[in-house]
């Protein structure tokens, strides 16, 4: 496999990110915080839905409900 493949991939994490001002840094930090909160809420929602489906599936397999 050639090194060209690895060299041309998008870089997902850059340790040497520079900001032109403190405000840009704060804006980016705020954006990351909002995204984290949004993803955390989505994760909680998905866990709740999975739990509901598991309960429903268990009740169905026990013959207590019909799908």
PDB file of N, CA and C in Angstrom:
ATOM      1  N   UNK A   1       0.856  -1.173   0.000  1.00  0.00           N
ATOM      2  CA  UNK A   1       0.000   0.000   0.000  1.00  0.00           C
ATOM      3  C   UNK A   1       0.900   1.233   0.000  1.00  0.00           C
ATOM      4  N   UNK A   2       0.542   2.193  -0.828  1.00  0.00           N
ATOM      5  CA  UNK A   2       1.408   3.372  -0.942  1.00  0.00           C
ATOM      6  C   UNK A   2       1.150   4.358   0.191  1.00  0.00           C
ATOM      7  N   UNK A   3       2.155   5.164   0.437  1.00  0.00           N
ATOM      8  CA  UNK A   3       2.029   6.189   1.470  1.00  0.00           C
ATOM      9  C   UNK A   3       1.132   7.328   1.014  1.00  0.00           C
ATOM     10  N   UNK A   4       0.881   7.392  -0.299  1.00  0.00           N
ATOM     11  CA  UNK A   4       0.030   8.458  -0.836  1.00  0.00           C
ATOM     12  C   UNK A   4      -1.368   8.398  -0.221  1.00  0.00           C
ATOM     13  N   UNK A   5      -1.889   7.182  -0.011  1.00  0.00           N
ATOM     14  CA  UNK A   5      -3.210   7.024   0.597  1.00  0.00           C
ATOM     15  C   UNK A   5      -3.261   7.692   1.963  1.00  0.00           C
ATOM     16  N   UNK A   6      -2.259   7.441   2.773  1.00  0.00           N
ATOM     17  CA  UNK A   6      -2.241   7.990   4.125  1.00  0.00           C
ATOM     18  C   UNK A   6      -1.999   9.495   4.126  1.00  0.00           C
ATOM     19  N   UNK A   7      -1.231   9.984   3.179  1.00  0.00           N
ATOM     20  CA  UNK A   7      -0.915  11.409   3.125  1.00  0.00           C
ATOM     21  C   UNK A   7      -2.096  12.251   2.662  1.00  0.00           C
ATOM     22  N   UNK A   8      -3.009  11.674   1.885  1.00  0.00           N
ATOM     23  CA  UNK A   8      -4.114  12.442   1.312  1.00  0.00           C
ATOM     24  C   UNK A   8      -5.411  12.341   2.099  1.00  0.00           C
ATOM     25  N   UNK A   9      -5.418  11.557   3.179  1.00  0.00           N
ATOM     26  CA  UNK A   9      -6.638  11.458   3.988  1.00  0.00           C
ATOM     27  C   UNK A   9      -6.893  12.770   4.708  1.00  0.00           C
ATOM     28  N   UNK A  10      -8.171  13.111   4.926  1.00  0.00           N
ATOM     29  CA  UNK A  10      -8.435  14.333   5.708  1.00  0.00           C
ATOM     30  C   UNK A  10      -7.925  14.168   7.130  1.00  0.00           C
ATOM     31  N   UNK A  11      -7.384  15.195   7.650  1.00  0.00           N
ATOM     32  CA  UNK A  11      -6.868  15.167   9.016  1.00  0.00           C
ATOM     33  C   UNK A  11      -8.012  15.505   9.967  1.00  0.00           C
ATOM     34  N   UNK A  12      -8.389  14.561  10.813  1.00  0.00           N
ATOM     35  CA  UNK A  12      -9.523  14.755  11.708  1.00  0.00           C
ATOM     36  C   UNK A  12      -9.141  15.483  12.983  1.00  0.00           C
ATOM     37  N   UNK A  13      -7.896  15.398  13.360  1.00  0.00           N
ATOM     38  CA  UNK A  13      -7.467  16.027  14.598  1.00  0.00           C
ATOM     39  C   UNK A  13      -6.141  16.730  14.364  1.00  0.00           C
ATOM     40  N   UNK A  14      -6.140  18.012  14.563  1.00  0.00           N
ATOM     41  CA  UNK A  14      -4.903  18.770  14.403  1.00  0.00           C
ATOM     42  C   UNK A  14      -4.521  19.342  15.754  1.00  0.00           C
ATOM     43  N   UNK A  15      -3.380  18.951  16.230  1.00  0.00           N
ATOM     44  CA  UNK A  15      -2.936  19.407  17.546  1.00  0.00           C
ATOM     45  C   UNK A  15      -2.400  20.832  17.503  1.00  0.00           C
ATOM     46  N   UNK A  16      -2.107  21.319  16.317  1.00  0.00           N
ATOM     47  CA  UNK A  16      -1.493  22.646  16.207  1.00  0.00           C
ATOM     48  C   UNK A  16      -2.474  23.673  15.661  1.00  0.00           C
ATOM     49  N   UNK A  17      -3.700  23.653  16.142  1.00  0.00           N
ATOM     50  CA  UNK A  17      -4.699  24.626  15.711  1.00  0.00           C
ATOM     51  C   UNK A  17      -4.358  25.971  16.331  1.00  0.00           C
ATOM     52  N   UNK A  18      -4.366  26.989  15.506  1.00  0.00           N
ATOM     53  CA  UNK A  18      -4.087  28.323  16.048  1.00  0.00           C
ATOM     54  C   UNK A  18      -5.322  29.200  15.887  1.00  0.00           C
ATOM     55  N   UNK A  19      -5.518  30.082  16.813  1.00  0.00           N
ATOM     56  CA  UNK A  19      -6.636  31.010  16.786  1.00  0.00           C
ATOM     57  C   UNK A  19      -6.076  32.422  16.720  1.00  0.00           C
ATOM     58  N   UNK A  20      -6.783  33.275  16.015  1.00  0.00           N
ATOM     59  CA  UNK A  20      -6.319  34.645  15.846  1.00  0.00           C
ATOM     60  C   UNK A  20      -6.656  35.521  17.043  1.00  0.00           C
ATOM     61  N   UNK A  21      -7.610  35.074  17.820  1.00  0.00           N
ATOM     62  CA  UNK A  21      -7.978  35.894  18.977  1.00  0.00           C
ATOM     63  C   UNK A  21      -8.563  35.016  20.076  1.00  0.00           C
ATOM     64  N   UNK A  22      -8.619  35.579  21.251  1.00  0.00           N
ATOM     65  CA  UNK A  22      -9.239  34.893  22.388  1.00  0.00           C
ATOM     66  C   UNK A  22     -10.719  34.646  22.104  1.00  0.00           C
ATOM     67  N   UNK A  23     -11.369  35.592  21.415  1.00  0.00           N
ATOM     68  CA  UNK A  23     -12.795  35.452  21.104  1.00  0.00           C
ATOM     69  C   UNK A  23     -13.035  34.258  20.185  1.00  0.00           C
ATOM     70  N   UNK A  24     -12.181  34.053  19.201  1.00  0.00           N
ATOM     71  CA  UNK A  24     -12.329  32.898  18.318  1.00  0.00           C
ATOM     72  C   UNK A  24     -12.196  31.600  19.111  1.00  0.00           C
ATOM     73  N   UNK A  25     -11.263  31.580  20.027  1.00  0.00           N
ATOM     74  CA  UNK A  25     -11.084  30.405  20.869  1.00  0.00           C
ATOM     75  C   UNK A  25     -12.331  30.159  21.708  1.00  0.00           C
ATOM     76  N   UNK A  26     -12.872  31.205  22.322  1.00  0.00           N
ATOM     77  CA  UNK A  26     -14.071  31.073  23.152  1.00  0.00           C
ATOM     78  C   UNK A  26     -15.272  30.645  22.313  1.00  0.00           C
ATOM     79  N   UNK A  27     -15.388  31.190  21.100  1.00  0.00           N
ATOM     80  CA  UNK A  27     -16.484  30.799  20.210  1.00  0.00           C
ATOM     81  C   UNK A  27     -16.391  29.318  19.856  1.00  0.00           C
ATOM     82  N   UNK A  28     -15.190  28.875  19.562  1.00  0.00           N
ATOM     83  CA  UNK A  28     -14.989  27.467  19.214  1.00  0.00           C
ATOM     84  C   UNK A  28     -15.281  26.568  20.414  1.00  0.00           C
ATOM     85  N   UNK A  29     -14.835  26.979  21.566  1.00  0.00           N
ATOM     86  CA  UNK A  29     -15.096  26.222  22.787  1.00  0.00           C
ATOM     87  C   UNK A  29     -16.596  26.133  23.062  1.00  0.00           C
ATOM     88  N   UNK A  30     -17.299  27.230  22.867  1.00  0.00           N
ATOM     89  CA  UNK A  30     -18.745  27.258  23.062  1.00  0.00           C
ATOM     90  C   UNK A  30     -19.443  26.319  22.072  1.00  0.00           C
ATOM     91  N   UNK A  31     -19.000  26.360  20.813  1.00  0.00           N
ATOM     92  CA  UNK A  31     -19.573  25.483  19.792  1.00  0.00           C
ATOM     93  C   UNK A  31     -19.365  24.011  20.168  1.00  0.00           C
ATOM     94  N   UNK A  32     -18.156  23.665  20.578  1.00  0.00           N
ATOM     95  CA  UNK A  32     -17.855  22.282  20.960  1.00  0.00           C
ATOM     96  C   UNK A  32     -18.707  21.862  22.151  1.00  0.00           C
ATOM     97  N   UNK A  33     -18.883  22.755  23.110  1.00  0.00           N
ATOM     98  CA  UNK A  33     -19.700  22.465  24.284  1.00  0.00           C
ATOM     99  C   UNK A  33     -21.154  22.204  23.892  1.00  0.00           C
ATOM    100  N   UNK A  34     -21.686  23.020  22.984  1.00  0.00           N
ATOM    101  CA  UNK A  34     -23.071  22.829  22.524  1.00  0.00           C
ATOM    102  C   UNK A  34     -23.222  21.518  21.775  1.00  0.00           C
ATOM    103  N   UNK A  35     -22.241  21.180  20.930  1.00  0.00           N
ATOM    104  CA  UNK A  35     -22.298  19.920  20.188  1.00  0.00           C
ATOM    105  C   UNK A  35     -22.235  18.725  21.146  1.00  0.00           C
ATOM    106  N   UNK A  36     -21.366  18.812  22.140  1.00  0.00           N
ATOM    107  CA  UNK A  36     -21.249  17.738  23.130  1.00  0.00           C
ATOM    108  C   UNK A  36     -22.581  17.550  23.851  1.00  0.00           C
ATOM    109  N   UNK A  37     -23.200  18.647  24.268  1.00  0.00           N
ATOM    110  CA  UNK A  37     -24.478  18.573  24.974  1.00  0.00           C
ATOM    111  C   UNK A  37     -25.547  17.958  24.078  1.00  0.00           C
ATOM    112  N   UNK A  38     -25.575  18.366  22.813  1.00  0.00           N
ATOM    113  CA  UNK A  38     -26.544  17.832  21.864  1.00  0.00           C
ATOM    114  C   UNK A  38     -26.337  16.324  21.679  1.00  0.00           C
ATOM    115  N   UNK A  39     -25.094  15.906  21.503  1.00  0.00           N
ATOM    116  CA  UNK A  39     -24.810  14.482  21.325  1.00  0.00           C
ATOM    117  C   UNK A  39     -25.126  13.683  22.581  1.00  0.00           C
ATOM    118  N   UNK A  40     -24.887  14.266  23.740  1.00  0.00           N
ATOM    119  CA  UNK A  40     -25.216  13.600  25.006  1.00  0.00           C
ATOM    120  C   UNK A  40     -26.725  13.376  25.103  1.00  0.00           C
ATOM    121  N   UNK A  41     -27.505  14.392  24.725  1.00  0.00           N
ATOM    122  CA  UNK A  41     -28.968  14.252  24.759  1.00  0.00           C
ATOM    123  C   UNK A  41     -29.441  13.204  23.757  1.00  0.00           C
ATOM    124  N   UNK A  42     -28.841  13.191  22.568  1.00  0.00           N
ATOM    125  CA  UNK A  42     -29.206  12.175  21.580  1.00  0.00           C
ATOM    126  C   UNK A  42     -28.883  10.775  22.093  1.00  0.00           C
ATOM    127  N   UNK A  43     -27.747  10.632  22.743  1.00  0.00           N
ATOM    128  CA  UNK A  43     -27.353   9.341  23.300  1.00  0.00           C
ATOM    129  C   UNK A  43     -28.353   8.884  24.354  1.00  0.00           C
ATOM    130  N   UNK A  44     -28.780   9.804  25.211  1.00  0.00           N
ATOM    131  CA  UNK A  44     -29.773   9.459  26.232  1.00  0.00           C
ATOM    132  C   UNK A  44     -31.082   9.028  25.586  1.00  0.00           C
ATOM    133  N   UNK A  45     -31.505   9.741  24.544  1.00  0.00           N
ATOM    134  CA  UNK A  45     -32.740   9.401  23.839  1.00  0.00           C
ATOM    135  C   UNK A  45     -32.632   8.022  23.205  1.00  0.00           C
ATOM    136  N   UNK A  46     -31.497   7.745  22.570  1.00  0.00           N
ATOM    137  CA  UNK A  46     -31.308   6.437  21.951  1.00  0.00           C
ATOM    138  C   UNK A  46     -31.308   5.320  22.982  1.00  0.00           C
ATOM    139  N   UNK A  47     -30.667   5.532  24.110  1.00  0.00           N
ATOM    140  CA  UNK A  47     -30.661   4.519  25.169  1.00  0.00           C
ATOM    141  C   UNK A  47     -32.076   4.251  25.658  1.00  0.00           C
ATOM    142  N   UNK A  48     -32.874   5.321  25.806  1.00  0.00           N
ATOM    143  CA  UNK A  48     -34.255   5.169  26.258  1.00  0.00           C
ATOM    144  C   UNK A  48     -35.070   4.375  25.231  1.00  0.00           C
ATOM    145  N   UNK A  49     -34.901   4.695  23.944  1.00  0.00           N
ATOM    146  CA  UNK A  49     -35.634   3.987  22.888  1.00  0.00           C
ATOM    147  C   UNK A  49     -35.226   2.515  22.835  1.00  0.00           C
ATOM    148  N   UNK A  50     -33.935   2.250  22.961  1.00  0.00           N
ATOM    149  CA  UNK A  50     -33.457   0.864  22.959  1.00  0.00           C
ATOM    150  C   UNK A  50     -34.059   0.103  24.129  1.00  0.00           C
ATOM    151  N   UNK A  51     -34.093   0.723  25.296  1.00  0.00           N
ATOM    152  CA  UNK A  51     -34.676   0.088  26.474  1.00  0.00           C
ATOM    153  C   UNK A  51     -36.156  -0.216  26.245  1.00  0.00           C
ATOM    154  N   UNK A  52     -36.887   0.743  25.668  1.00  0.00           N
ATOM    155  CA  UNK A  52     -38.311   0.529  25.388  1.00  0.00           C
ATOM    156  C   UNK A  52     -38.504  -0.631  24.415  1.00  0.00           C
ATOM    157  N   UNK A  53     -37.662  -0.692  23.382  1.00  0.00           N
ATOM    158  CA  UNK A  53     -37.773  -1.779  22.414  1.00  0.00           C
ATOM    159  C   UNK A  53     -37.437  -3.129  23.039  1.00  0.00           C
ATOM    160  N   UNK A  54     -36.443  -3.153  23.915  1.00  0.00           N
ATOM    161  CA  UNK A  54     -36.094  -4.408  24.588  1.00  0.00           C
ATOM    162  C   UNK A  54     -37.230  -4.883  25.480  1.00  0.00           C
ATOM    163  N   UNK A  55     -37.880  -3.972  26.189  1.00  0.00           N
ATOM    164  CA  UNK A  55     -39.018  -4.332  27.041  1.00  0.00           C
ATOM    165  C   UNK A  55     -40.157  -4.852  26.175  1.00  0.00           C
ATOM    166  N   UNK A  56     -40.455  -4.145  25.086  1.00  0.00           N
ATOM    167  CA  UNK A  56     -41.523  -4.556  24.181  1.00  0.00           C
ATOM    168  C   UNK A  56     -41.225  -5.931  23.585  1.00  0.00           C
ATOM    169  N   UNK A  57     -39.981  -6.136  23.169  1.00  0.00           N
ATOM    170  CA  UNK A  57     -39.593  -7.419  22.584  1.00  0.00           C
ATOM    171  C   UNK A  57     -39.713  -8.543  23.608  1.00  0.00           C
ATOM    172  N   UNK A  58     -39.316  -8.268  24.845  1.00  0.00           N
ATOM    173  CA  UNK A  58     -39.412  -9.280  25.904  1.00  0.00           C
ATOM    174  C   UNK A  58     -40.883  -9.635  26.164  1.00  0.00           C
ATOM    175  N   UNK A  59     -41.751  -8.619  26.239  1.00  0.00           N
ATOM    176  CA  UNK A  59     -43.177  -8.880  26.459  1.00  0.00           C
ATOM    177  C   UNK A  59     -43.774  -9.659  25.298  1.00  0.00           C
ATOM    178  N   UNK A  60     -43.350  -9.330  24.072  1.00  0.00           N
ATOM    179  CA  UNK A  60     -43.845 -10.048  22.903  1.00  0.00           C
ATOM    180  C   UNK A  60     -43.403 -11.510  22.942  1.00  0.00           C
ATOM    181  N   UNK A  61     -42.130 -11.733  23.283  1.00  0.00           N
ATOM    182  CA  UNK A  61     -41.624 -13.113  23.306  1.00  0.00           C
ATOM    183  C   UNK A  61     -42.285 -13.929  24.416  1.00  0.00           C
ATOM    184  N   UNK A  62     -42.745 -13.264  25.475  1.00  0.00           N
ATOM    185  CA  UNK A  62     -43.447 -13.957  26.556  1.00  0.00           C
ATOM    186  C   UNK A  62     -44.933 -14.122  26.248  1.00  0.00           C
ATOM    187  N   UNK A  63     -45.377 -13.584  25.111  1.00  0.00           N
ATOM    188  CA  UNK A  63     -46.769 -13.727  24.706  1.00  0.00           C
ATOM    189  C   UNK A  63     -47.719 -12.786  25.418  1.00  0.00           C
ATOM    190  N   UNK A  64     -47.191 -11.756  26.064  1.00  0.00           N
ATOM    191  CA  UNK A  64     -48.048 -10.836  26.809  1.00  0.00           C
ATOM    192  C   UNK A  64     -48.619  -9.723  25.937  1.00  0.00           C
ATOM    193  N   UNK A  65     -47.971  -9.455  24.805  1.00  0.00           N
ATOM    194  CA  UNK A  65     -48.503  -8.456  23.874  1.00  0.00           C
ATOM    195  C   UNK A  65     -48.352  -8.973  22.455  1.00  0.00           C
ATOM    196  N   UNK A  66     -49.152  -8.429  21.559  1.00  0.00           N
ATOM    197  CA  UNK A  66     -49.066  -8.763  20.137  1.00  0.00           C
ATOM    198  C   UNK A  66     -48.502  -7.569  19.395  1.00  0.00           C
ATOM    199  N   UNK A  67     -47.595  -7.849  18.481  1.00  0.00           N
ATOM    200  CA  UNK A  67     -47.013  -6.759  17.681  1.00  0.00           C
ATOM    201  C   UNK A  67     -47.889  -6.473  16.501  1.00  0.00           C
TER     202      UNK A  67
END
